[in-house]
């Protein structure tokens, strides 16, 4: 293995670690209210998606029943 390549990989790993540490610092410095708003928004998006899937399932069942009865 090329020595320079190895040094580059170690340096890149440390840089990635530093970016990760900065991301964690930024995350933990977030305001609690902002995190709660984000979680609430995410939960409502998930609930909306589940409802849309439920509607899609109902339409597929109706189509299946219509095709079976014809």
Protein backbone atom coordinates (compact mmCIF):
# COMPACT_ATOMS: atom_id res chain seq x y z
CA UNK A 1 0.00 0.00 0.00
CA UNK A 2 1.28 3.42 -0.87
CA UNK A 3 2.37 5.31 2.25
CA UNK A 4 0.81 8.55 1.03
CA UNK A 5 -2.46 6.79 0.34
CA UNK A 6 -2.50 5.40 3.89
CA UNK A 7 -1.80 8.84 5.39
CA UNK A 8 -4.56 10.33 3.23
CA UNK A 9 -7.05 7.70 4.46
CA UNK A 10 -6.15 8.33 8.12
CA UNK A 11 -6.44 12.08 7.61
CA UNK A 12 -9.80 11.66 5.85
CA UNK A 13 -11.06 9.48 8.72
CA UNK A 14 -10.10 12.13 11.27
CA UNK A 15 -11.74 14.85 9.19
CA UNK A 16 -14.93 12.78 9.00
CA UNK A 17 -14.81 12.26 12.75
CA UNK A 18 -14.42 16.01 13.28
CA UNK A 19 -17.45 16.68 11.06
CA UNK A 20 -19.45 14.12 13.02
CA UNK A 21 -18.45 15.69 16.33
CA UNK A 22 -19.48 19.11 15.03
CA UNK A 23 -22.82 17.71 13.90
CA UNK A 24 -23.45 16.26 17.37
CA UNK A 25 -22.47 19.54 19.01
CA UNK A 26 -24.87 21.40 16.73
CA UNK A 27 -27.64 18.87 17.42
CA UNK A 28 -27.25 19.11 21.19
CA UNK A 29 -27.18 22.91 21.09
CA UNK A 30 -30.57 22.99 19.39
CA UNK A 31 -33.38 24.50 21.33
CA UNK A 32 -35.62 21.87 22.93
CA UNK A 33 -38.71 23.59 21.48
CA UNK A 34 -37.22 23.34 17.98
CA UNK A 35 -36.60 19.61 18.46
CA UNK A 36 -40.17 19.08 19.69
CA UNK A 37 -41.54 20.98 16.68
CA UNK A 38 -39.41 18.85 14.37
CA UNK A 39 -40.57 15.62 16.01
CA UNK A 40 -44.21 16.73 15.91
CA UNK A 41 -43.91 17.67 12.24
CA UNK A 42 -42.25 14.37 11.45
CA UNK A 43 -44.96 12.44 13.29
CA UNK A 44 -47.73 14.28 11.45
CA UNK A 45 -46.00 13.57 8.12
CA UNK A 46 -45.82 9.88 9.02
CA UNK A 47 -49.49 9.86 10.02
CA UNK A 48 -50.45 11.55 6.73
CA UNK A 49 -48.44 8.97 4.79
CA UNK A 50 -50.12 6.10 6.65
CA UNK A 51 -53.54 7.57 5.87
CA UNK A 52 -52.66 7.91 2.19
CA UNK A 53 -51.54 4.28 2.13
CA UNK A 54 -54.81 3.28 3.79
CA UNK A 55 -56.81 5.16 1.14
CA UNK A 56 -54.74 3.54 -1.60
CA UNK A 57 -55.39 0.10 -0.11
CA UNK A 58 -59.13 0.78 0.00
CA UNK A 59 -59.13 1.84 -3.65
CA UNK A 60 -57.20 -1.27 -4.65
CA UNK A 61 -59.67 -3.46 -2.79
CA UNK A 62 -62.59 -1.72 -4.48
CA UNK A 63 -60.96 -2.22 -7.88
CA UNK A 64 -60.29 -5.89 -7.11
CA UNK A 65 -63.92 -6.41 -6.04
CA UNK A 66 -65.17 -4.65 -9.17
CA UNK A 67 -62.97 -6.82 -11.41
CA UNK A 68 -64.04 -10.02 -9.64
CA UNK A 69 -67.74 -9.20 -9.93
CA UNK A 70 -67.66 -8.46 -13.67
